[in-house]
Amino acid sequence: PDLTGYEKFGLGNVKYNISRIHITAVEFPSASISLIPGTGIKLVIGNASLTIDMNWNIRTWMFKDSGRSTVYISKVFVTAMFSTLLDNTGHASISLTSCRTTSGDIDIKLNGKS
């Protein structure tokens, strides 16, 4: 979905719109799944990266600009725990019980008219 909003900076508001958001690349060089007896499943993703392309535009009382942007996020680490349960009919269900994510580097390239 598009992201639209405004932020207050100094003497005025900055209105922004981010649209046509597309994830163009995802890499999981290190991923593992472990069964934890009596608990469920542990998923660990290490050193992942992703690239996102999007359109953007901003407007203030003084100027406006728009363009394309590429965001590269690297050194992403995710640890997630899932609980597994059987209901009274024997059907399995999985629920996310915890999730921790960190990212190391974010590189943003803006291409605009100005």
N, C-alpha and C. Protein backbone atom coordinates (compact mmCIF):
# COMPACT_ATOMS: atom_id res chain seq x y z
N PRO A 1 0.82 -1.21 0.00
CA PRO A 1 0.00 0.00 0.00
C PRO A 1 0.85 1.26 0.00
N ASP A 2 0.29 2.33 -0.51
CA ASP A 2 0.98 3.62 -0.52
C ASP A 2 1.08 4.18 0.90
N LEU A 3 2.09 5.00 1.13
CA LEU A 3 2.27 5.67 2.42
C LEU A 3 2.10 7.16 2.18
N THR A 4 1.17 7.77 2.91
CA THR A 4 0.90 9.19 2.77
C THR A 4 0.80 9.80 4.16
N GLY A 5 1.33 11.02 4.32
CA GLY A 5 1.21 11.67 5.60
C GLY A 5 1.93 13.00 5.60
N TYR A 6 2.16 13.53 6.80
CA TYR A 6 2.91 14.78 6.93
C TYR A 6 3.69 14.76 8.23
N GLU A 7 4.76 15.51 8.22
CA GLU A 7 5.60 15.68 9.40
C GLU A 7 5.83 17.17 9.60
N LYS A 8 5.93 17.58 10.86
CA LYS A 8 6.22 18.98 11.17
C LYS A 8 7.72 19.17 11.28
N PHE A 9 8.25 20.12 10.50
CA PHE A 9 9.66 20.48 10.54
C PHE A 9 9.77 21.99 10.58
N GLY A 10 10.42 22.50 11.60
CA GLY A 10 10.68 23.94 11.68
C GLY A 10 9.46 24.80 11.50
N LEU A 11 9.40 25.52 10.38
CA LEU A 11 8.34 26.50 10.15
C LEU A 11 7.11 25.95 9.45
N GLY A 12 7.09 24.67 9.10
CA GLY A 12 5.93 24.18 8.38
C GLY A 12 5.86 22.67 8.33
N ASN A 13 4.87 22.21 7.59
CA ASN A 13 4.65 20.79 7.43
C ASN A 13 5.26 20.31 6.12
N VAL A 14 5.73 19.09 6.13
CA VAL A 14 6.19 18.42 4.92
C VAL A 14 5.19 17.31 4.64
N LYS A 15 4.49 17.43 3.52
CA LYS A 15 3.55 16.39 3.11
C LYS A 15 4.31 15.43 2.19
N TYR A 16 4.08 14.14 2.38
CA TYR A 16 4.79 13.16 1.57
C TYR A 16 3.85 12.08 1.08
N ASN A 17 4.24 11.46 -0.01
CA ASN A 17 3.52 10.31 -0.54
C ASN A 17 4.56 9.36 -1.11
N ILE A 18 4.52 8.11 -0.71
CA ILE A 18 5.39 7.06 -1.24
C ILE A 18 4.47 6.04 -1.88
N SER A 19 4.69 5.79 -3.17
CA SER A 19 3.78 4.91 -3.91
C SER A 19 4.57 3.92 -4.77
N ARG A 20 3.84 2.98 -5.34
CA ARG A 20 4.41 1.95 -6.22
C ARG A 20 5.61 1.27 -5.56
N ILE A 21 5.40 0.84 -4.32
CA ILE A 21 6.45 0.19 -3.55
C ILE A 21 6.58 -1.26 -4.03
N HIS A 22 7.78 -1.61 -4.46
CA HIS A 22 8.03 -2.96 -4.96
C HIS A 22 9.31 -3.51 -4.34
N ILE A 23 9.24 -4.70 -3.77
CA ILE A 23 10.43 -5.39 -3.32
C ILE A 23 11.02 -6.08 -4.54
N THR A 24 12.22 -5.69 -4.93
CA THR A 24 12.81 -6.19 -6.17
C THR A 24 13.86 -7.28 -5.94
N ALA A 25 14.36 -7.42 -4.73
CA ALA A 25 15.34 -8.47 -4.44
C ALA A 25 15.32 -8.79 -2.95
N VAL A 26 15.45 -10.08 -2.65
CA VAL A 26 15.55 -10.56 -1.27
C VAL A 26 16.61 -11.66 -1.25
N GLU A 27 17.51 -11.60 -0.28
CA GLU A 27 18.54 -12.62 -0.14
C GLU A 27 18.57 -13.13 1.30
N PHE A 28 18.56 -14.45 1.45
CA PHE A 28 18.68 -15.10 2.74
C PHE A 28 19.91 -16.02 2.72
N PRO A 29 21.11 -15.46 2.87
CA PRO A 29 22.30 -16.31 2.78
C PRO A 29 22.44 -17.30 3.94
N SER A 30 21.80 -17.01 5.06
CA SER A 30 21.89 -17.89 6.21
C SER A 30 20.52 -17.98 6.86
N ALA A 31 19.91 -19.17 6.81
CA ALA A 31 18.60 -19.37 7.43
C ALA A 31 18.54 -20.78 8.01
N SER A 32 17.91 -20.91 9.16
CA SER A 32 17.77 -22.23 9.77
C SER A 32 16.44 -22.32 10.50
N ILE A 33 15.93 -23.54 10.55
CA ILE A 33 14.71 -23.84 11.29
C ILE A 33 15.04 -24.96 12.26
N SER A 34 14.67 -24.78 13.52
CA SER A 34 14.93 -25.78 14.55
C SER A 34 13.63 -26.13 15.26
N LEU A 35 13.48 -27.40 15.59
CA LEU A 35 12.36 -27.83 16.42
C LEU A 35 12.80 -27.75 17.87
N ILE A 36 12.01 -27.08 18.70
CA ILE A 36 12.29 -26.92 20.12
C ILE A 36 11.28 -27.78 20.86
N PRO A 37 11.70 -28.92 21.44
CA PRO A 37 10.76 -29.82 22.10
C PRO A 37 9.93 -29.12 23.17
N GLY A 38 8.63 -29.35 23.13
CA GLY A 38 7.72 -28.77 24.11
C GLY A 38 7.40 -27.31 23.88
N THR A 39 8.03 -26.68 22.88
CA THR A 39 7.82 -25.26 22.63
C THR A 39 7.29 -25.00 21.25
N GLY A 40 8.00 -25.47 20.23
CA GLY A 40 7.56 -25.21 18.87
C GLY A 40 8.71 -25.16 17.89
N ILE A 41 8.74 -24.11 17.11
CA ILE A 41 9.70 -23.97 16.02
C ILE A 41 10.44 -22.64 16.17
N LYS A 42 11.75 -22.69 15.94
CA LYS A 42 12.56 -21.47 15.97
C LYS A 42 13.12 -21.24 14.57
N LEU A 43 12.90 -20.05 14.05
CA LEU A 43 13.40 -19.64 12.74
C LEU A 43 14.45 -18.57 12.96
N VAL A 44 15.63 -18.76 12.36
CA VAL A 44 16.71 -17.78 12.46
C VAL A 44 17.18 -17.44 11.05
N ILE A 45 17.15 -16.16 10.72
CA ILE A 45 17.64 -15.67 9.43
C ILE A 45 18.77 -14.70 9.74
N GLY A 46 19.92 -14.95 9.12
CA GLY A 46 21.08 -14.11 9.39
C GLY A 46 21.62 -13.45 8.14
N ASN A 47 22.02 -12.21 8.29
CA ASN A 47 22.68 -11.44 7.23
C ASN A 47 21.84 -11.35 5.95
N ALA A 48 20.57 -11.20 6.10
CA ALA A 48 19.67 -11.07 4.95
C ALA A 48 19.75 -9.65 4.40
N SER A 49 19.24 -9.48 3.18
CA SER A 49 19.18 -8.15 2.58
C SER A 49 17.98 -8.07 1.66
N LEU A 50 17.52 -6.84 1.43
CA LEU A 50 16.43 -6.64 0.48
C LEU A 50 16.56 -5.28 -0.18
N THR A 51 16.02 -5.21 -1.39
CA THR A 51 16.03 -3.98 -2.17
C THR A 51 14.59 -3.61 -2.48
N ILE A 52 14.25 -2.34 -2.26
CA ILE A 52 12.90 -1.84 -2.47
C ILE A 52 12.97 -0.63 -3.39
N ASP A 53 12.16 -0.63 -4.44
CA ASP A 53 12.03 0.52 -5.34
C ASP A 53 10.68 1.18 -5.10
N MET A 54 10.62 2.51 -5.27
CA MET A 54 9.36 3.23 -5.02
C MET A 54 9.38 4.60 -5.69
N ASN A 55 8.22 5.17 -5.85
CA ASN A 55 8.06 6.57 -6.25
C ASN A 55 7.86 7.38 -4.98
N TRP A 56 8.26 8.64 -5.00
CA TRP A 56 8.04 9.51 -3.85
C TRP A 56 7.74 10.92 -4.32
N ASN A 57 7.02 11.66 -3.50
CA ASN A 57 6.88 13.09 -3.71
C ASN A 57 6.69 13.77 -2.37
N ILE A 58 7.24 14.97 -2.28
CA ILE A 58 7.10 15.78 -1.06
C ILE A 58 6.65 17.18 -1.46
N ARG A 59 5.98 17.84 -0.51
CA ARG A 59 5.49 19.19 -0.76
C ARG A 59 5.54 19.97 0.54
N THR A 60 6.11 21.16 0.46
CA THR A 60 6.10 22.09 1.59
C THR A 60 5.53 23.41 1.09
N TRP A 61 5.45 24.39 1.95
CA TRP A 61 4.94 25.69 1.52
C TRP A 61 5.94 26.38 0.59
N MET A 62 7.21 25.93 0.60
CA MET A 62 8.24 26.57 -0.23
C MET A 62 8.52 25.84 -1.54
N PHE A 63 8.42 24.53 -1.56
CA PHE A 63 8.79 23.79 -2.77
C PHE A 63 8.09 22.44 -2.80
N LYS A 64 8.19 21.79 -3.96
CA LYS A 64 7.73 20.43 -4.10
C LYS A 64 8.70 19.69 -5.00
N ASP A 65 8.79 18.38 -4.80
CA ASP A 65 9.68 17.56 -5.61
C ASP A 65 9.14 16.14 -5.63
N SER A 66 9.57 15.39 -6.63
CA SER A 66 9.15 13.99 -6.75
C SER A 66 10.22 13.23 -7.52
N GLY A 67 10.15 11.92 -7.45
CA GLY A 67 11.11 11.10 -8.16
C GLY A 67 10.98 9.64 -7.80
N ARG A 68 12.06 8.92 -8.07
CA ARG A 68 12.16 7.49 -7.76
C ARG A 68 13.18 7.31 -6.65
N SER A 69 13.04 6.20 -5.93
CA SER A 69 13.98 5.91 -4.86
C SER A 69 14.25 4.41 -4.81
N THR A 70 15.47 4.08 -4.44
CA THR A 70 15.83 2.69 -4.18
C THR A 70 16.38 2.61 -2.76
N VAL A 71 15.84 1.69 -1.99
CA VAL A 71 16.29 1.48 -0.61
C VAL A 71 16.90 0.09 -0.53
N TYR A 72 18.14 0.03 -0.05
CA TYR A 72 18.82 -1.24 0.13
C TYR A 72 19.05 -1.43 1.63
N ILE A 73 18.48 -2.50 2.18
CA ILE A 73 18.61 -2.80 3.60
C ILE A 73 19.45 -4.07 3.72
N SER A 74 20.53 -4.01 4.49
CA SER A 74 21.40 -5.17 4.62
C SER A 74 21.69 -5.45 6.10
N LYS A 75 22.34 -6.58 6.32
CA LYS A 75 22.67 -7.05 7.66
C LYS A 75 21.41 -7.18 8.51
N VAL A 76 20.37 -7.79 7.91
CA VAL A 76 19.10 -8.00 8.60
C VAL A 76 19.15 -9.35 9.31
N PHE A 77 18.82 -9.34 10.58
CA PHE A 77 18.79 -10.56 11.38
C PHE A 77 17.39 -10.71 11.98
N VAL A 78 16.83 -11.90 11.86
CA VAL A 78 15.49 -12.19 12.36
C VAL A 78 15.53 -13.47 13.19
N THR A 79 14.95 -13.42 14.38
CA THR A 79 14.73 -14.62 15.18
C THR A 79 13.26 -14.65 15.53
N ALA A 80 12.58 -15.73 15.16
CA ALA A 80 11.14 -15.86 15.42
C ALA A 80 10.86 -17.20 16.07
N MET A 81 9.98 -17.18 17.04
CA MET A 81 9.54 -18.41 17.72
C MET A 81 8.07 -18.63 17.40
N PHE A 82 7.73 -19.85 17.04
CA PHE A 82 6.37 -20.24 16.74
C PHE A 82 5.95 -21.36 17.68
N SER A 83 4.75 -21.26 18.23
CA SER A 83 4.22 -22.37 19.02
C SER A 83 3.35 -23.22 18.10
N THR A 84 3.39 -24.51 18.33
CA THR A 84 2.58 -25.44 17.55
C THR A 84 1.61 -26.14 18.48
N LEU A 85 0.37 -26.19 18.07
CA LEU A 85 -0.68 -26.79 18.89
C LEU A 85 -1.55 -27.70 18.04
N LEU A 86 -2.12 -28.69 18.68
CA LEU A 86 -3.14 -29.52 18.04
C LEU A 86 -4.47 -29.21 18.72
N ASP A 87 -5.51 -28.93 17.92
CA ASP A 87 -6.82 -28.69 18.53
C ASP A 87 -7.49 -30.04 18.82
N ASN A 88 -8.69 -30.01 19.38
CA ASN A 88 -9.37 -31.24 19.78
C ASN A 88 -9.76 -32.13 18.60
N THR A 89 -9.70 -31.62 17.38
CA THR A 89 -9.99 -32.44 16.20
C THR A 89 -8.71 -32.98 15.57
N GLY A 90 -7.54 -32.61 16.13
CA GLY A 90 -6.28 -33.10 15.61
C GLY A 90 -5.64 -32.21 14.57
N HIS A 91 -6.25 -31.06 14.27
CA HIS A 91 -5.67 -30.13 13.31
C HIS A 91 -4.58 -29.30 13.97
N ALA A 92 -3.49 -29.13 13.26
CA ALA A 92 -2.37 -28.36 13.79
C ALA A 92 -2.57 -26.87 13.52
N SER A 93 -2.08 -26.07 14.44
CA SER A 93 -2.07 -24.62 14.24
C SER A 93 -0.71 -24.10 14.69
N ILE A 94 -0.28 -23.02 14.06
CA ILE A 94 0.99 -22.40 14.37
C ILE A 94 0.73 -20.94 14.70
N SER A 95 1.31 -20.47 15.81
CA SER A 95 1.17 -19.07 16.21
C SER A 95 2.54 -18.47 16.47
N LEU A 96 2.71 -17.24 16.01
CA LEU A 96 3.95 -16.52 16.28
C LEU A 96 3.92 -16.07 17.74
N THR A 97 4.92 -16.49 18.52
CA THR A 97 4.96 -16.11 19.93
C THR A 97 5.96 -15.01 20.22
N SER A 98 7.02 -14.91 19.41
CA SER A 98 7.97 -13.81 19.58
C SER A 98 8.72 -13.61 18.27
N CYS A 99 9.17 -12.38 18.07
CA CYS A 99 9.93 -12.05 16.87
C CYS A 99 10.84 -10.87 17.19
N ARG A 100 12.10 -11.01 16.79
CA ARG A 100 13.06 -9.92 16.97
C ARG A 100 13.79 -9.72 15.66
N THR A 101 13.85 -8.47 15.22
CA THR A 101 14.49 -8.12 13.96
C THR A 101 15.43 -6.94 14.18
N THR A 102 16.61 -7.04 13.60
CA THR A 102 17.54 -5.90 13.60
C THR A 102 18.08 -5.73 12.18
N SER A 103 18.43 -4.51 11.85
CA SER A 103 19.07 -4.26 10.56
C SER A 103 20.31 -3.41 10.80
N GLY A 104 21.33 -3.68 10.03
CA GLY A 104 22.60 -3.00 10.24
C GLY A 104 22.77 -1.76 9.38
N ASP A 105 22.49 -1.87 8.09
CA ASP A 105 22.73 -0.76 7.17
C ASP A 105 21.50 -0.50 6.31
N ILE A 106 21.23 0.78 6.08
CA ILE A 106 20.18 1.19 5.16
C ILE A 106 20.77 2.24 4.24
N ASP A 107 20.71 1.97 2.93
CA ASP A 107 21.22 2.89 1.93
C ASP A 107 20.04 3.36 1.09
N ILE A 108 19.81 4.68 1.06
CA ILE A 108 18.69 5.26 0.33
C ILE A 108 19.21 6.14 -0.79
N LYS A 109 18.79 5.85 -2.01
CA LYS A 109 19.15 6.66 -3.16
C LYS A 109 17.89 7.35 -3.69
N LEU A 110 17.92 8.67 -3.68
CA LEU A 110 16.80 9.47 -4.16
C LEU A 110 17.14 10.08 -5.52
N ASN A 111 16.29 9.90 -6.48
CA ASN A 111 16.43 10.55 -7.78
C ASN A 111 15.21 11.44 -7.96
N GLY A 112 15.44 12.74 -8.05
CA GLY A 112 14.34 13.68 -8.18
C GLY A 112 14.63 14.77 -9.17
N LYS A 113 13.64 15.61 -9.34
CA LYS A 113 13.79 16.72 -10.29
C LYS A 113 14.76 17.78 -9.79
N SER A 114 14.75 18.01 -8.47
CA SER A 114 15.66 19.01 -7.91
C SER A 114 17.01 18.41 -7.66
